[in-house]
C-alpha atoms as a PDB file:
ATOM      1  CA  UNK A   1      21.695  64.648 -21.260  1.00  0.00           C
ATOM      2  CA  UNK A   2      19.038  65.916 -18.848  1.00  0.00           C
ATOM      3  CA  UNK A   3      16.589  63.299 -20.174  1.00  0.00           C
ATOM      4  CA  UNK A   4      19.069  60.485 -19.480  1.00  0.00           C
ATOM      5  CA  UNK A   5      19.649  61.694 -15.916  1.00  0.00           C
ATOM      6  CA  UNK A   6      15.908  61.872 -15.339  1.00  0.00           C
ATOM      7  CA  UNK A   7      15.450  58.296 -16.659  1.00  0.00           C
ATOM      8  CA  UNK A   8      18.310  57.055 -14.495  1.00  0.00           C
ATOM      9  CA  UNK A   9      16.826  58.783 -11.444  1.00  0.00           C
ATOM     10  CA  UNK A  10      13.371  57.290 -12.178  1.00  0.00           C
ATOM     11  CA  UNK A  11      14.889  53.809 -12.586  1.00  0.00           C
ATOM     12  CA  UNK A  12      16.725  54.084  -9.248  1.00  0.00           C
ATOM     13  CA  UNK A  13      13.575  55.251  -7.452  1.00  0.00           C
ATOM     14  CA  UNK A  14      11.588  52.388  -9.003  1.00  0.00           C
ATOM     15  CA  UNK A  15      14.199  49.836  -7.904  1.00  0.00           C
ATOM     16  CA  UNK A  16      14.189  51.228  -4.387  1.00  0.00           C
ATOM     17  CA  UNK A  17      10.414  51.049  -4.205  1.00  0.00           C
ATOM     18  CA  UNK A  18      10.260  47.492  -5.513  1.00  0.00           C
ATOM     19  CA  UNK A  19      13.033  46.405  -3.161  1.00  0.00           C
ATOM     20  CA  UNK A  20      11.347  47.920  -0.119  1.00  0.00           C
ATOM     21  CA  UNK A  21       8.025  46.274  -1.009  1.00  0.00           C
ATOM     22  CA  UNK A  22       9.681  42.866  -1.316  1.00  0.00           C
ATOM     23  CA  UNK A  23      11.447  43.144   2.017  1.00  0.00           C
ATOM     24  CA  UNK A  24       8.367  44.401   3.850  1.00  0.00           C
ATOM     25  CA  UNK A  25       6.262  41.590   2.404  1.00  0.00           C
ATOM     26  CA  UNK A  26       8.542  39.025   4.023  1.00  0.00           C
ATOM     27  CA  UNK A  27       8.882  40.799   7.381  1.00  0.00           C
ATOM     28  CA  UNK A  28       7.052  39.101  10.227  1.00  0.00           C
ATOM     29  CA  UNK A  29       6.684  41.669  12.933  1.00  0.00           C
ATOM     30  CA  UNK A  30       3.610  40.277  14.659  1.00  0.00           C
ATOM     31  CA  UNK A  31       2.642  41.844  17.909  1.00  0.00           C
ATOM     32  CA  UNK A  32      -0.268  39.593  18.858  1.00  0.00           C
ATOM     33  CA  UNK A  33       0.076  35.924  19.881  1.00  0.00           C
ATOM     34  CA  UNK A  34      -2.949  35.016  17.736  1.00  0.00           C
ATOM     35  CA  UNK A  35      -1.010  36.021  14.606  1.00  0.00           C
ATOM     36  CA  UNK A  36       1.861  33.717  15.562  1.00  0.00           C
ATOM     37  CA  UNK A  37      -0.598  30.908  16.289  1.00  0.00           C
ATOM     38  CA  UNK A  38      -2.598  31.250  13.077  1.00  0.00           C
ATOM     39  CA  UNK A  39       0.414  31.706  10.788  1.00  0.00           C
ATOM     40  CA  UNK A  40       2.285  28.626  12.056  1.00  0.00           C
ATOM     41  CA  UNK A  41       1.959  24.970  11.142  1.00  0.00           C
ATOM     42  CA  UNK A  42       2.937  23.789  14.617  1.00  0.00           C
ATOM     43  CA  UNK A  43       2.273  25.286  18.065  1.00  0.00           C
ATOM     44  CA  UNK A  44       3.670  23.407  21.045  1.00  0.00           C
ATOM     45  CA  UNK A  45       4.601  23.743  24.675  1.00  0.00           C
ATOM     46  CA  UNK A  46       7.935  22.113  25.435  1.00  0.00           C
ATOM     47  CA  UNK A  47      10.684  21.859  28.024  1.00  0.00           C
ATOM     48  CA  UNK A  48      14.413  22.223  27.247  1.00  0.00           C
ATOM     49  CA  UNK A  49      16.381  18.957  27.540  1.00  0.00           C
ATOM     50  CA  UNK A  50      19.790  19.645  25.982  1.00  0.00           C
ATOM     51  CA  UNK A  51      21.649  21.267  23.119  1.00  0.00           C
ATOM     52  CA  UNK A  52      21.572  19.223  19.914  1.00  0.00           C
ATOM     53  CA  UNK A  53      23.926  18.897  16.961  1.00  0.00           C
ATOM     54  CA  UNK A  54      22.223  20.296  13.863  1.00  0.00           C
ATOM     55  CA  UNK A  55      23.375  20.368  10.256  1.00  0.00           C
ATOM     56  CA  UNK A  56      23.752  23.858   8.734  1.00  0.00           C
ATOM     57  CA  UNK A  57      22.456  25.539  11.887  1.00  0.00           C
ATOM     58  CA  UNK A  58      23.925  27.995  14.343  1.00  0.00           C
ATOM     59  CA  UNK A  59      22.340  26.150  17.245  1.00  0.00           C
ATOM     60  CA  UNK A  60      19.720  23.567  17.979  1.00  0.00           C
ATOM     61  CA  UNK A  61      17.998  22.092  20.986  1.00  0.00           C
ATOM     62  CA  UNK A  62      16.277  18.916  22.008  1.00  0.00           C
ATOM     63  CA  UNK A  63      12.962  19.473  23.756  1.00  0.00           C
ATOM     64  CA  UNK A  64      10.310  17.347  25.433  1.00  0.00           C
ATOM     65  CA  UNK A  65       6.795  18.234  24.261  1.00  0.00           C
ATOM     66  CA  UNK A  66       4.381  18.784  27.143  1.00  0.00           C
ATOM     67  CA  UNK A  67       1.377  19.951  25.056  1.00  0.00           C
ATOM     68  CA  UNK A  68       0.449  20.178  21.363  1.00  0.00           C
ATOM     69  CA  UNK A  69      -1.958  22.976  20.461  1.00  0.00           C
ATOM     70  CA  UNK A  70      -1.719  22.954  16.663  1.00  0.00           C
ATOM     71  CA  UNK A  71      -0.246  20.534  14.170  1.00  0.00           C
ATOM     72  CA  UNK A  72      -0.371  16.805  13.797  1.00  0.00           C
ATOM     73  CA  UNK A  73       3.224  15.693  13.477  1.00  0.00           C
ATOM     74  CA  UNK A  74       4.105  15.343  17.182  1.00  0.00           C
ATOM     75  CA  UNK A  75       2.333  14.252  20.335  1.00  0.00           C
ATOM     76  CA  UNK A  76       2.728  14.986  24.035  1.00  0.00           C
ATOM     77  CA  UNK A  77       5.759  13.265  25.521  1.00  0.00           C
ATOM     78  CA  UNK A  78       7.688  13.230  22.240  1.00  0.00           C
ATOM     79  CA  UNK A  79      11.296  14.361  22.261  1.00  0.00           C
ATOM     80  CA  UNK A  80      11.988  16.700  19.314  1.00  0.00           C
ATOM     81  CA  UNK A  81      14.793  18.814  17.942  1.00  0.00           C
ATOM     82  CA  UNK A  82      14.294  22.441  16.993  1.00  0.00           C
ATOM     83  CA  UNK A  83      16.374  24.415  14.582  1.00  0.00           C
ATOM     84  CA  UNK A  84      16.598  28.208  14.518  1.00  0.00           C
ATOM     85  CA  UNK A  85      17.001  29.962  11.194  1.00  0.00           C
ATOM     86  CA  UNK A  86      19.491  32.804  10.862  1.00  0.00           C
ATOM     87  CA  UNK A  87      18.471  35.797  12.940  1.00  0.00           C
ATOM     88  CA  UNK A  88      16.055  33.817  15.110  1.00  0.00           C
ATOM     89  CA  UNK A  89      18.478  32.216  17.543  1.00  0.00           C
ATOM     90  CA  UNK A  90      17.293  32.244  21.148  1.00  0.00           C
ATOM     91  CA  UNK A  91      19.057  30.652  24.110  1.00  0.00           C
ATOM     92  CA  UNK A  92      16.606  28.218  25.702  1.00  0.00           C
ATOM     93  CA  UNK A  93      19.099  27.089  28.346  1.00  0.00           C
ATOM     94  CA  UNK A  94      18.519  30.219  30.426  1.00  0.00           C
ATOM     95  CA  UNK A  95      14.983  29.235  31.529  1.00  0.00           C
ATOM     96  CA  UNK A  96      14.367  25.812  33.089  1.00  0.00           C
ATOM     97  CA  UNK A  97      10.598  26.043  32.522  1.00  0.00           C
ATOM     98  CA  UNK A  98       8.348  25.312  29.561  1.00  0.00           C
ATOM     99  CA  UNK A  99       8.261  27.395  26.386  1.00  0.00           C
ATOM    100  CA  UNK A 100       5.551  28.001  23.841  1.00  0.00           C
ATOM    101  CA  UNK A 101       6.993  27.638  20.339  1.00  0.00           C
ATOM    102  CA  UNK A 102       5.460  28.209  16.933  1.00  0.00           C
ATOM    103  CA  UNK A 103       7.049  27.087  13.699  1.00  0.00           C
ATOM    104  CA  UNK A 104       6.900  24.667  10.808  1.00  0.00           C
ATOM    105  CA  UNK A 105       8.471  21.550   9.400  1.00  0.00           C
ATOM    106  CA  UNK A 106       9.311  18.051  10.420  1.00  0.00           C
ATOM    107  CA  UNK A 107      11.132  16.016  11.623  1.00  0.00           C
ATOM    108  CA  UNK A 108      12.755  19.108  13.222  1.00  0.00           C
ATOM    109  CA  UNK A 109      10.696  22.130  14.199  1.00  0.00           C
ATOM    110  CA  UNK A 110      11.921  25.122  12.154  1.00  0.00           C
ATOM    111  CA  UNK A 111      11.844  28.339  14.188  1.00  0.00           C
ATOM    112  CA  UNK A 112      12.309  31.650  12.369  1.00  0.00           C
ATOM    113  CA  UNK A 113      11.936  35.366  12.962  1.00  0.00           C
ATOM    114  CA  UNK A 114       8.241  34.787  12.231  1.00  0.00           C
ATOM    115  CA  UNK A 115       7.941  32.363  15.164  1.00  0.00           C
ATOM    116  CA  UNK A 116       6.978  32.890  18.764  1.00  0.00           C
ATOM    117  CA  UNK A 117       9.388  31.471  21.352  1.00  0.00           C
ATOM    118  CA  UNK A 118       8.352  32.574  24.802  1.00  0.00           C
ATOM    119  CA  UNK A 119       8.583  31.147  28.308  1.00  0.00           C
ATOM    120  CA  UNK A 120       5.172  29.739  29.222  1.00  0.00           C
ATOM    121  CA  UNK A 121       5.431  31.532  32.590  1.00  0.00           C
ATOM    122  CA  UNK A 122       5.478  34.908  30.782  1.00  0.00           C
ATOM    123  CA  UNK A 123       2.083  34.363  29.097  1.00  0.00           C
ATOM    124  CA  UNK A 124      -0.931  36.005  30.672  1.00  0.00           C
ATOM    125  CA  UNK A 125      -3.737  33.701  31.774  1.00  0.00           C
ATOM    126  CA  UNK A 126      -5.818  34.901  28.801  1.00  0.00           C
ATOM    127  CA  UNK A 127      -2.941  34.289  26.338  1.00  0.00           C
ATOM    128  CA  UNK A 128      -2.585  30.712  27.638  1.00  0.00           C
ATOM    129  CA  UNK A 129      -6.336  30.253  27.180  1.00  0.00           C
ATOM    130  CA  UNK A 130      -6.032  31.717  23.683  1.00  0.00           C
ATOM    131  CA  UNK A 131      -3.307  29.254  22.713  1.00  0.00           C
ATOM    132  CA  UNK A 132      -5.441  26.433  24.104  1.00  0.00           C
ATOM    133  CA  UNK A 133      -8.421  27.331  21.893  1.00  0.00           C
ATOM    134  CA  UNK A 134      -9.609  30.898  21.359  1.00  0.00           C
ATOM    135  CA  UNK A 135      -6.911  31.861  18.854  1.00  0.00           C
ATOM    136  CA  UNK A 136      -7.827  28.884  16.655  1.00  0.00           C
ATOM    137  CA  UNK A 137     -11.406  30.186  16.502  1.00  0.00           C
ATOM    138  CA  UNK A 138     -10.074  33.469  15.076  1.00  0.00           C
ATOM    139  CA  UNK A 139      -7.753  32.186  12.346  1.00  0.00           C
ATOM    140  CA  UNK A 140     -10.235  33.272   9.660  1.00  0.00           C
ATOM    141  CA  UNK A 141      -9.647  36.844  10.848  1.00  0.00           C
ATOM    142  CA  UNK A 142      -6.529  38.916  10.262  1.00  0.00           C
ATOM    143  CA  UNK A 143      -4.959  41.184  12.854  1.00  0.00           C
ATOM    144  CA  UNK A 144      -3.570  44.339  11.285  1.00  0.00           C
ATOM    145  CA  UNK A 145      -1.762  47.410  12.577  1.00  0.00           C
ATOM    146  CA  UNK A 146      -3.233  49.834  10.038  1.00  0.00           C
ATOM    147  CA  UNK A 147      -6.553  50.153   8.252  1.00  0.00           C
ATOM    148  CA  UNK A 148      -7.339  47.559   5.538  1.00  0.00           C
ATOM    149  CA  UNK A 149      -6.158  48.301   2.007  1.00  0.00           C
ATOM    150  CA  UNK A 150      -8.733  49.690  -0.423  1.00  0.00           C
ATOM    151  CA  UNK A 151     -10.970  46.890  -1.642  1.00  0.00           C
ATOM    152  CA  UNK A 152     -10.333  44.644   1.383  1.00  0.00           C
ATOM    153  CA  UNK A 153     -13.286  43.837   3.606  1.00  0.00           C
ATOM    154  CA  UNK A 154     -13.086  45.492   7.013  1.00  0.00           C
ATOM    155  CA  UNK A 155     -15.279  42.670   8.345  1.00  0.00           C
ATOM    156  CA  UNK A 156     -12.392  40.157   8.245  1.00  0.00           C
ATOM    157  CA  UNK A 157      -9.863  42.336  10.110  1.00  0.00           C
ATOM    158  CA  UNK A 158      -9.206  43.484  13.651  1.00  0.00           C
ATOM    159  CA  UNK A 159      -7.055  46.579  13.949  1.00  0.00           C
ATOM    160  CA  UNK A 160      -4.617  46.790  16.829  1.00  0.00           C
ATOM    161  CA  UNK A 161      -5.237  49.968  18.786  1.00  0.00           C
ATOM    162  CA  UNK A 162      -2.434  52.461  19.321  1.00  0.00           C
ATOM    163  CA  UNK A 163      -2.355  51.213  22.917  1.00  0.00           C
ATOM    164  CA  UNK A 164      -2.674  47.499  22.103  1.00  0.00           C
ATOM    165  CA  UNK A 165      -1.410  46.077  25.422  1.00  0.00           C
ATOM    166  CA  UNK A 166      -4.905  44.993  26.539  1.00  0.00           C
ATOM    167  CA  UNK A 167      -5.655  43.384  23.163  1.00  0.00           C
ATOM    168  CA  UNK A 168      -2.346  41.474  23.218  1.00  0.00           C
ATOM    169  CA  UNK A 169      -2.708  40.388  26.859  1.00  0.00           C
ATOM    170  CA  UNK A 170      -6.434  39.610  27.097  1.00  0.00           C
ATOM    171  CA  UNK A 171      -8.260  39.497  23.766  1.00  0.00           C
ATOM    172  CA  UNK A 172      -8.625  37.508  20.573  1.00  0.00           C
ATOM    173  CA  UNK A 173      -9.925  38.602  17.179  1.00  0.00           C
ATOM    174  CA  UNK A 174     -12.937  36.324  16.694  1.00  0.00           C
ATOM    175  CA  UNK A 175     -15.640  36.232  13.988  1.00  0.00           C
ATOM    176  CA  UNK A 176     -19.125  36.803  15.338  1.00  0.00           C
ATOM    177  CA  UNK A 177     -22.043  37.128  12.972  1.00  0.00           C
ATOM    178  CA  UNK A 178     -19.634  37.181  10.020  1.00  0.00           C
ATOM    179  CA  UNK A 179     -17.646  40.138  11.394  1.00  0.00           C
ATOM    180  CA  UNK A 180     -14.279  39.883  13.139  1.00  0.00           C
ATOM    181  CA  UNK A 181     -13.986  41.843  16.354  1.00  0.00           C
ATOM    182  CA  UNK A 182     -11.929  41.976  19.542  1.00  0.00           C
ATOM    183  CA  UNK A 183     -13.362  39.828  22.320  1.00  0.00           C
ATOM    184  CA  UNK A 184     -12.050  39.169  25.802  1.00  0.00           C
ATOM    185  CA  UNK A 185     -10.907  35.569  26.107  1.00  0.00           C
ATOM    186  CA  UNK A 186     -12.993  33.599  28.602  1.00  0.00           C
END
């Protein structure tokens, strides 16, 4: 009887461990704009036009693209619809200005919890410069919040400091001489 209880306990622990690994693998809790940029198919700057009817969606919006930073599906001046996946809904009507949006898909931009949707006016000058070019230069690097796993090259990673505000606001993780490192965006 004790052996069966032990096996049952071990099976439950194993299931919990596997389940937690699967959910953490799909979590997208980026804290640096470069991660959003590099992990998205499309990065645009757009202005809210109106709410849009979307199939199977909580809400959708029609936007006018003012700049395209990454992706090839749309061009400046194009009117597009965006669709938020469950848990990623954001009200764009509250801010009359431009937004930076990252996402994937076409003909509608798919925005998820792994996307960046932020008023352009809230970006720092260095973040805007990063979106316009510096972040693209660092997409071969990976920004991490903890040390690389055993066997992974430290040369291809930039670790966010405990106080990462300066890195998020002013820096990009860029390869230089084959090694990724934090550099102030100029």
